Amino acid sequence: MKTHILTLAAIAALSTLGLADSPDAILKDYQAKAAPALEKVNARLEKATVPLIADLVKAGETAAAGELKAQLKAKQDGEPVMKPHSKAVSLFALYDAARIKALEPALKSAVNRIETLLTTSEGKKLDVVEALGKVRAEIEAGKVGKTASFPLIWTYHRTVQSPVMSELKLEADGTWKLTDPKTKVDSESGTWVQTSRTTLDLDWKGVVWKMSFDKKEGVIDRPDIGKRYLKLAVSQ
């Protein structure tokens, strides 16, 4: 009798989760679990690949070094590398196997949630089914999205002491935008790439803004107008 009650409770809990779930929630949860799972394997890959890049630089093969660096980043982001550099073929193969193993728990959890949601009334809607298909394809491809270990929302100032001109918001998908705090209209937008622990490159229509920051303040060096200053947003 006790076992029967526990089974019914588990089914009820699963049904409740399915009704409250969504494709977006499943994807975000997968990404939140997958990113830390990949930290060690990504670090090992980088540690093993950097000496190969250094050897190419020493040999004067700067183009090949740049290509291998790009392939390293692509691998870490879960992007396909169609023609890996000859020095990295076996290394990348070992990484692929380690990556699949590291992502397996997060993948299994996400797939179970997708299948559960498909059994609910919500999972009978065409737009939800289509979204779940896209989510499943993305997670099975091993993509985890961009992650950020720094604040994503900053206020933007002409000088260190001047009033707020705009709000800079860095999205986890690698995009950014400057928004007027009063009108809420976006004035500029583009994409960002993290270049070190405390620096970013913000691309604006092909022009790169160099951003550097610490825990509470930052600076953007814009080739068009010079420096602009950042402060950590209170809304963070």
C-alpha atoms as a PDB file:
ATOM      1  CA  MET A   1       0.000   0.000   0.000  1.00  0.00           C
ATOM      2  CA  LYS A   2       2.829   2.363   0.932  1.00  0.00           C
ATOM      3  CA  THR A   3       4.636   1.656  -2.349  1.00  0.00           C
ATOM      4  CA  HIS A   4       1.430   2.316  -4.293  1.00  0.00           C
ATOM      5  CA  ILE A   5       0.973   5.688  -2.586  1.00  0.00           C
ATOM      6  CA  LEU A   6       4.589   6.687  -3.306  1.00  0.00           C
ATOM      7  CA  THR A   7       4.168   5.712  -6.966  1.00  0.00           C
ATOM      8  CA  LEU A   8       1.028   7.838  -7.298  1.00  0.00           C
ATOM      9  CA  ALA A   9       2.790  10.747  -5.619  1.00  0.00           C
ATOM     10  CA  ALA A  10       5.703  10.473  -8.034  1.00  0.00           C
ATOM     11  CA  ILE A  11       3.367  10.433 -11.030  1.00  0.00           C
ATOM     12  CA  ALA A  12       1.481  13.446  -9.689  1.00  0.00           C
ATOM     13  CA  ALA A  13       4.716  15.346  -9.141  1.00  0.00           C
ATOM     14  CA  LEU A  14       5.896  14.518 -12.640  1.00  0.00           C
ATOM     15  CA  SER A  15       2.614  15.694 -14.130  1.00  0.00           C
ATOM     16  CA  THR A  16       2.806  18.941 -12.190  1.00  0.00           C
ATOM     17  CA  LEU A  17       6.351  19.522 -13.460  1.00  0.00           C
ATOM     18  CA  GLY A  18       5.252  18.891 -17.014  1.00  0.00           C
ATOM     19  CA  LEU A  19       2.383  21.356 -16.773  1.00  0.00           C
ATOM     20  CA  ALA A  20       4.690  24.026 -15.361  1.00  0.00           C
ATOM     21  CA  ASP A  21       7.538  23.299 -17.744  1.00  0.00           C
ATOM     22  CA  SER A  22       8.392  24.952 -21.053  1.00  0.00           C
ATOM     23  CA  PRO A  23      10.920  24.548 -23.884  1.00  0.00           C
ATOM     24  CA  ASP A  24      12.737  27.710 -22.796  1.00  0.00           C
ATOM     25  CA  ALA A  25      12.965  26.535 -19.176  1.00  0.00           C
ATOM     26  CA  ILE A  26      14.304  23.150 -20.264  1.00  0.00           C
ATOM     27  CA  LEU A  27      16.982  24.730 -22.459  1.00  0.00           C
ATOM     28  CA  LYS A  28      18.082  27.224 -19.802  1.00  0.00           C
ATOM     29  CA  ASP A  29      18.291  24.513 -17.156  1.00  0.00           C
ATOM     30  CA  TYR A  30      20.311  22.307 -19.509  1.00  0.00           C
ATOM     31  CA  GLN A  31      22.720  25.167 -20.223  1.00  0.00           C
ATOM     32  CA  ALA A  32      23.052  25.957 -16.514  1.00  0.00           C
ATOM     33  CA  LYS A  33      24.006  22.335 -15.782  1.00  0.00           C
ATOM     34  CA  ALA A  34      26.118  21.776 -18.890  1.00  0.00           C
ATOM     35  CA  ALA A  35      28.392  24.805 -18.592  1.00  0.00           C
ATOM     36  CA  PRO A  36      30.012  23.828 -15.271  1.00  0.00           C
ATOM     37  CA  ALA A  37      30.155  20.192 -16.398  1.00  0.00           C
ATOM     38  CA  LEU A  38      32.417  21.265 -19.275  1.00  0.00           C
ATOM     39  CA  GLU A  39      34.773  23.495 -17.303  1.00  0.00           C
ATOM     40  CA  LYS A  40      37.360  20.792 -16.595  1.00  0.00           C
ATOM     41  CA  VAL A  41      37.351  19.174 -20.058  1.00  0.00           C
ATOM     42  CA  ASN A  42      37.538  22.591 -21.733  1.00  0.00           C
ATOM     43  CA  ALA A  43      40.428  23.600 -19.489  1.00  0.00           C
ATOM     44  CA  ARG A  44      42.296  20.362 -20.279  1.00  0.00           C
ATOM     45  CA  LEU A  45      41.777  20.889 -24.006  1.00  0.00           C
ATOM     46  CA  GLU A  46      43.088  24.444 -23.822  1.00  0.00           C
ATOM     47  CA  LYS A  47      46.112  23.394 -21.749  1.00  0.00           C
ATOM     48  CA  ALA A  48      46.981  20.718 -24.323  1.00  0.00           C
ATOM     49  CA  THR A  49      46.351  22.924 -27.372  1.00  0.00           C
ATOM     50  CA  VAL A  50      48.231  26.079 -26.334  1.00  0.00           C
ATOM     51  CA  PRO A  51      51.702  24.425 -26.722  1.00  0.00           C
ATOM     52  CA  LEU A  52      50.730  23.357 -30.250  1.00  0.00           C
ATOM     53  CA  ILE A  53      49.759  26.944 -31.078  1.00  0.00           C
ATOM     54  CA  ALA A  54      53.018  28.174 -29.539  1.00  0.00           C
ATOM     55  CA  ASP A  55      55.030  25.765 -31.693  1.00  0.00           C
ATOM     56  CA  LEU A  56      53.341  27.114 -34.816  1.00  0.00           C
ATOM     57  CA  VAL A  57      54.117  30.687 -33.781  1.00  0.00           C
ATOM     58  CA  LYS A  58      57.766  29.777 -33.153  1.00  0.00           C
ATOM     59  CA  ALA A  59      57.920  28.215 -36.621  1.00  0.00           C
ATOM     60  CA  GLY A  60      56.585  31.418 -38.146  1.00  0.00           C
ATOM     61  CA  GLU A  61      53.280  29.789 -39.128  1.00  0.00           C
ATOM     62  CA  THR A  62      51.107  32.574 -37.739  1.00  0.00           C
ATOM     63  CA  ALA A  63      48.148  31.872 -40.023  1.00  0.00           C
ATOM     64  CA  ALA A  64      48.074  28.227 -38.948  1.00  0.00           C
ATOM     65  CA  ALA A  65      48.381  29.290 -35.302  1.00  0.00           C
ATOM     66  CA  GLY A  66      45.388  31.595 -35.694  1.00  0.00           C
ATOM     67  CA  GLU A  67      43.416  28.839 -37.378  1.00  0.00           C
ATOM     68  CA  LEU A  68      44.171  26.359 -34.582  1.00  0.00           C
ATOM     69  CA  LYS A  69      43.198  28.937 -31.949  1.00  0.00           C
ATOM     70  CA  ALA A  70      39.861  29.440 -33.723  1.00  0.00           C
ATOM     71  CA  GLN A  71      39.360  25.670 -33.857  1.00  0.00           C
ATOM     72  CA  LEU A  72      40.052  25.412 -30.123  1.00  0.00           C
ATOM     73  CA  LYS A  73      37.359  27.993 -29.352  1.00  0.00           C
ATOM     74  CA  ALA A  74      34.937  26.296 -31.744  1.00  0.00           C
ATOM     75  CA  LYS A  75      35.462  22.968 -30.002  1.00  0.00           C
ATOM     76  CA  GLN A  76      34.893  24.503 -26.585  1.00  0.00           C
ATOM     77  CA  ASP A  77      31.668  26.102 -27.841  1.00  0.00           C
ATOM     78  CA  GLY A  78      30.416  22.823 -29.293  1.00  0.00           C
ATOM     79  CA  GLU A  79      30.756  24.000 -32.890  1.00  0.00           C
ATOM     80  CA  PRO A  80      31.881  21.544 -35.593  1.00  0.00           C
ATOM     81  CA  VAL A  81      35.455  21.679 -36.870  1.00  0.00           C
ATOM     82  CA  MET A  82      35.335  20.189 -40.348  1.00  0.00           C
ATOM     83  CA  LYS A  83      39.086  20.142 -41.049  1.00  0.00           C
ATOM     84  CA  PRO A  84      41.013  20.084 -37.762  1.00  0.00           C
ATOM     85  CA  HIS A  85      44.694  20.974 -37.894  1.00  0.00           C
ATOM     86  CA  SER A  86      46.853  17.875 -38.357  1.00  0.00           C
ATOM     87  CA  LYS A  87      48.557  18.437 -34.985  1.00  0.00           C
ATOM     88  CA  ALA A  88      45.204  18.446 -33.172  1.00  0.00           C
ATOM     89  CA  VAL A  89      43.268  15.591 -34.825  1.00  0.00           C
ATOM     90  CA  SER A  90      43.831  12.999 -32.082  1.00  0.00           C
ATOM     91  CA  LEU A  91      43.542  15.620 -29.337  1.00  0.00           C
ATOM     92  CA  PHE A  92      40.169  16.803 -30.635  1.00  0.00           C
ATOM     93  CA  ALA A  93      38.935  13.199 -30.920  1.00  0.00           C
ATOM     94  CA  LEU A  94      39.768  12.565 -27.253  1.00  0.00           C
ATOM     95  CA  TYR A  95      38.062  15.828 -26.309  1.00  0.00           C
ATOM     96  CA  ASP A  96      34.894  14.893 -28.214  1.00  0.00           C
ATOM     97  CA  ALA A  97      34.587  11.660 -26.224  1.00  0.00           C
ATOM     98  CA  ALA A  98      35.230  13.443 -22.918  1.00  0.00           C
ATOM     99  CA  ARG A  99      32.716  16.166 -23.798  1.00  0.00           C
ATOM    100  CA  ILE A 100      29.955  13.652 -24.553  1.00  0.00           C
ATOM    101  CA  LYS A 101      30.564  11.899 -21.224  1.00  0.00           C
ATOM    102  CA  ALA A 102      30.564  15.194 -19.280  1.00  0.00           C
ATOM    103  CA  LEU A 103      27.298  16.337 -20.848  1.00  0.00           C
ATOM    104  CA  GLU A 104      25.479  13.013 -20.487  1.00  0.00           C
ATOM    105  CA  PRO A 105      23.716  13.724 -17.139  1.00  0.00           C
ATOM    106  CA  ALA A 106      22.450  17.154 -18.258  1.00  0.00           C
ATOM    107  CA  LEU A 107      21.388  15.741 -21.633  1.00  0.00           C
ATOM    108  CA  LYS A 108      19.508  12.832 -20.071  1.00  0.00           C
ATOM    109  CA  SER A 109      17.670  15.133 -17.669  1.00  0.00           C
ATOM    110  CA  ALA A 110      16.656  17.519 -20.468  1.00  0.00           C
ATOM    111  CA  VAL A 111      15.442  14.728 -22.759  1.00  0.00           C
ATOM    112  CA  ASN A 112      13.340  13.269 -19.941  1.00  0.00           C
ATOM    113  CA  ARG A 113      11.729  16.657 -19.382  1.00  0.00           C
ATOM    114  CA  ILE A 114      11.039  17.068 -23.105  1.00  0.00           C
ATOM    115  CA  GLU A 115       9.380  13.657 -23.277  1.00  0.00           C
ATOM    116  CA  THR A 116       7.343  14.396 -20.147  1.00  0.00           C
ATOM    117  CA  LEU A 117       6.155  17.736 -21.503  1.00  0.00           C
ATOM    118  CA  LEU A 118       5.070  16.056 -24.737  1.00  0.00           C
ATOM    119  CA  THR A 119       2.656  13.877 -22.753  1.00  0.00           C
ATOM    120  CA  THR A 120       0.831  16.890 -21.296  1.00  0.00           C
ATOM    121  CA  SER A 121      -1.893  19.039 -22.853  1.00  0.00           C
ATOM    122  CA  GLU A 122       0.718  21.762 -23.413  1.00  0.00           C
ATOM    123  CA  GLY A 123       2.765  19.267 -25.389  1.00  0.00           C
ATOM    124  CA  LYS A 124      -0.087  18.825 -27.857  1.00  0.00           C
ATOM    125  CA  LYS A 125       0.264  22.400 -29.140  1.00  0.00           C
ATOM    126  CA  LEU A 126       2.053  22.772 -32.470  1.00  0.00           C
ATOM    127  CA  ASP A 127       4.248  25.713 -31.433  1.00  0.00           C
ATOM    128  CA  VAL A 128       5.345  23.904 -28.261  1.00  0.00           C
ATOM    129  CA  VAL A 129       6.162  20.711 -30.186  1.00  0.00           C
ATOM    130  CA  GLU A 130       8.196  22.698 -32.719  1.00  0.00           C
ATOM    131  CA  ALA A 131      10.056  24.514 -29.947  1.00  0.00           C
ATOM    132  CA  LEU A 132      10.801  21.248 -28.154  1.00  0.00           C
ATOM    133  CA  GLY A 133      12.171  19.818 -31.390  1.00  0.00           C
ATOM    134  CA  LYS A 134      14.570  22.752 -31.712  1.00  0.00           C
ATOM    135  CA  VAL A 135      15.596  22.475 -28.061  1.00  0.00           C
ATOM    136  CA  ARG A 136      16.282  18.749 -28.405  1.00  0.00           C
ATOM    137  CA  ALA A 137      18.326  19.290 -31.557  1.00  0.00           C
ATOM    138  CA  GLU A 138      20.390  21.966 -29.819  1.00  0.00           C
ATOM    139  CA  ILE A 139      21.133  19.953 -26.706  1.00  0.00           C
ATOM    140  CA  GLU A 140      21.892  16.783 -28.681  1.00  0.00           C
ATOM    141  CA  ALA A 141      24.367  18.819 -30.720  1.00  0.00           C
ATOM    142  CA  GLY A 142      26.188  19.472 -27.445  1.00  0.00           C
ATOM    143  CA  LYS A 143      25.800  23.239 -27.513  1.00  0.00           C
ATOM    144  CA  VAL A 144      25.634  24.983 -24.170  1.00  0.00           C
ATOM    145  CA  GLY A 145      25.425  28.634 -25.210  1.00  0.00           C
ATOM    146  CA  LYS A 146      27.654  31.412 -23.979  1.00  0.00           C
ATOM    147  CA  THR A 147      28.337  31.715 -20.289  1.00  0.00           C
ATOM    148  CA  ALA A 148      29.513  34.740 -18.416  1.00  0.00           C
ATOM    149  CA  SER A 149      31.452  34.941 -15.170  1.00  0.00           C
ATOM    150  CA  PHE A 150      31.044  38.710 -14.939  1.00  0.00           C
ATOM    151  CA  PRO A 151      28.188  41.207 -14.404  1.00  0.00           C
ATOM    152  CA  LEU A 152      25.908  41.588 -17.414  1.00  0.00           C
ATOM    153  CA  ILE A 153      24.213  44.918 -16.693  1.00  0.00           C
ATOM    154  CA  TRP A 154      26.095  48.218 -16.418  1.00  0.00           C
ATOM    155  CA  THR A 155      25.232  51.909 -16.446  1.00  0.00           C
ATOM    156  CA  TYR A 156      27.024  53.880 -19.171  1.00  0.00           C
ATOM    157  CA  HIS A 157      28.506  57.372 -18.502  1.00  0.00           C
ATOM    158  CA  ARG A 158      30.334  60.103 -20.431  1.00  0.00           C
ATOM    159  CA  THR A 159      32.750  60.611 -17.519  1.00  0.00           C
ATOM    160  CA  VAL A 160      33.307  58.815 -14.222  1.00  0.00           C
ATOM    161  CA  GLN A 161      31.118  61.337 -12.360  1.00  0.00           C
ATOM    162  CA  SER A 162      28.512  62.206 -15.018  1.00  0.00           C
ATOM    163  CA  PRO A 163      24.867  61.048 -14.913  1.00  0.00           C
ATOM    164  CA  VAL A 164      23.725  57.837 -16.558  1.00  0.00           C
ATOM    165  CA  MET A 165      23.504  58.123 -20.347  1.00  0.00           C
ATOM    166  CA  SER A 166      22.423  54.582 -21.140  1.00  0.00           C
ATOM    167  CA  GLU A 167      22.214  51.074 -19.753  1.00  0.00           C
ATOM    168  CA  LEU A 168      24.523  48.455 -21.228  1.00  0.00           C
ATOM    169  CA  LYS A 169      23.090  44.947 -21.143  1.00  0.00           C
ATOM    170  CA  LEU A 170      25.190  41.959 -22.191  1.00  0.00           C
ATOM    171  CA  GLU A 171      23.053  38.972 -23.123  1.00  0.00           C
ATOM    172  CA  ALA A 172      24.161  35.385 -22.504  1.00  0.00           C
ATOM    173  CA  ASP A 173      23.675  34.634 -26.221  1.00  0.00           C
ATOM    174  CA  GLY A 174      26.608  36.910 -27.095  1.00  0.00           C
ATOM    175  CA  THR A 175      24.661  40.042 -28.015  1.00  0.00           C
ATOM    176  CA  TRP A 176      24.584  43.434 -26.295  1.00  0.00           C
ATOM    177  CA  LYS A 177      22.586  46.650 -26.441  1.00  0.00           C
ATOM    178  CA  LEU A 178      22.678  50.198 -25.112  1.00  0.00           C
ATOM    179  CA  THR A 179      19.254  51.369 -23.957  1.00  0.00           C
ATOM    180  CA  ASP A 180      18.096  54.874 -23.054  1.00  0.00           C
ATOM    181  CA  PRO A 181      16.992  54.674 -19.381  1.00  0.00           C
ATOM    182  CA  LYS A 182      14.100  57.092 -19.942  1.00  0.00           C
ATOM    183  CA  THR A 183      12.665  56.100 -23.321  1.00  0.00           C
ATOM    184  CA  LYS A 184      13.750  52.430 -23.112  1.00  0.00           C
ATOM    185  CA  VAL A 185      14.780  52.693 -26.779  1.00  0.00           C
ATOM    186  CA  ASP A 186      17.915  50.846 -27.900  1.00  0.00           C
ATOM    187  CA  SER A 187      20.498  53.240 -29.343  1.00  0.00           C
ATOM    188  CA  GLU A 188      23.260  50.797 -30.286  1.00  0.00           C
ATOM    189  CA  SER A 189      23.587  47.022 -30.346  1.00  0.00           C
ATOM    190  CA  GLY A 190      25.945  44.315 -31.517  1.00  0.00           C
ATOM    191  CA  THR A 191      27.783  41.196 -30.386  1.00  0.00           C
ATOM    192  CA  TRP A 192      30.380  40.579 -27.689  1.00  0.00           C
ATOM    193  CA  VAL A 193      33.303  38.197 -27.228  1.00  0.00           C
ATOM    194  CA  GLN A 194      35.189  37.691 -23.963  1.00  0.00           C
ATOM    195  CA  THR A 195      38.919  38.118 -24.606  1.00  0.00           C
ATOM    196  CA  SER A 196      40.171  37.615 -21.042  1.00  0.00           C
ATOM    197  CA  ARG A 197      38.799  37.324 -17.523  1.00  0.00           C
ATOM    198  CA  THR A 198      38.227  41.088 -17.332  1.00  0.00           C
ATOM    199  CA  THR A 199      38.038  42.241 -20.964  1.00  0.00           C
ATOM    200  CA  LEU A 200      35.509  42.030 -23.791  1.00  0.00           C
ATOM    201  CA  ASP A 201      35.379  43.045 -27.439  1.00  0.00           C
ATOM    202  CA  LEU A 202      32.048  44.641 -28.332  1.00  0.00           C
ATOM    203  CA  ASP A 203      31.393  44.637 -32.073  1.00  0.00           C
ATOM    204  CA  TRP A 204      29.286  47.546 -33.312  1.00  0.00           C
ATOM    205  CA  LYS A 205      28.729  47.515 -37.078  1.00  0.00           C
ATOM    206  CA  GLY A 206      32.214  46.122 -37.632  1.00  0.00           C
ATOM    207  CA  VAL A 207      33.879  48.546 -35.205  1.00  0.00           C
ATOM    208  CA  VAL A 208      35.340  46.949 -32.079  1.00  0.00           C
ATOM    209  CA  TRP A 209      34.856  48.650 -28.722  1.00  0.00           C
ATOM    210  CA  LYS A 210      37.358  47.476 -26.113  1.00  0.00           C
ATOM    211  CA  MET A 211      35.739  46.957 -22.712  1.00  0.00           C
ATOM    212  CA  SER A 212      37.665  46.338 -19.478  1.00  0.00           C
ATOM    213  CA  PHE A 213      36.166  46.033 -16.016  1.00  0.00           C
ATOM    214  CA  ASP A 214      36.578  45.037 -12.390  1.00  0.00           C
ATOM    215  CA  LYS A 215      33.923  44.136  -9.837  1.00  0.00           C
ATOM    216  CA  LYS A 216      32.140  47.504  -9.822  1.00  0.00           C
ATOM    217  CA  GLU A 217      33.470  49.734 -12.612  1.00  0.00           C
ATOM    218  CA  GLY A 218      34.567  49.506 -16.217  1.00  0.00           C
ATOM    219  CA  VAL A 219      35.737  51.432 -19.270  1.00  0.00           C
ATOM    220  CA  ILE A 220      34.801  51.179 -22.933  1.00  0.00           C
ATOM    221  CA  ASP A 221      37.331  52.515 -25.427  1.00  0.00           C
ATOM    222  CA  ARG A 222      35.383  53.480 -28.551  1.00  0.00           C
ATOM    223  CA  PRO A 223      37.460  54.316 -31.656  1.00  0.00           C
ATOM    224  CA  ASP A 224      34.752  56.738 -32.828  1.00  0.00           C
ATOM    225  CA  ILE A 225      34.338  58.915 -29.715  1.00  0.00           C
ATOM    226  CA  GLY A 226      36.896  57.829 -27.133  1.00  0.00           C
ATOM    227  CA  LYS A 227      36.360  56.445 -23.660  1.00  0.00           C
ATOM    228  CA  ARG A 228      33.063  55.925 -21.894  1.00  0.00           C
ATOM    229  CA  TYR A 229      32.705  54.750 -18.312  1.00  0.00           C
ATOM    230  CA  LEU A 230      30.698  51.975 -16.706  1.00  0.00           C
ATOM    231  CA  LYS A 231      29.330  51.289 -13.267  1.00  0.00           C
ATOM    232  CA  LEU A 232      27.726  48.129 -11.979  1.00  0.00           C
ATOM    233  CA  ALA A 233      23.942  48.481 -12.293  1.00  0.00           C
ATOM    234  CA  VAL A 234      21.955  48.401  -9.061  1.00  0.00           C
ATOM    235  CA  SER A 235      19.394  46.140 -10.788  1.00  0.00           C
ATOM    236  CA  GLN A 236      22.004  43.356 -11.060  1.00  0.00           C
END
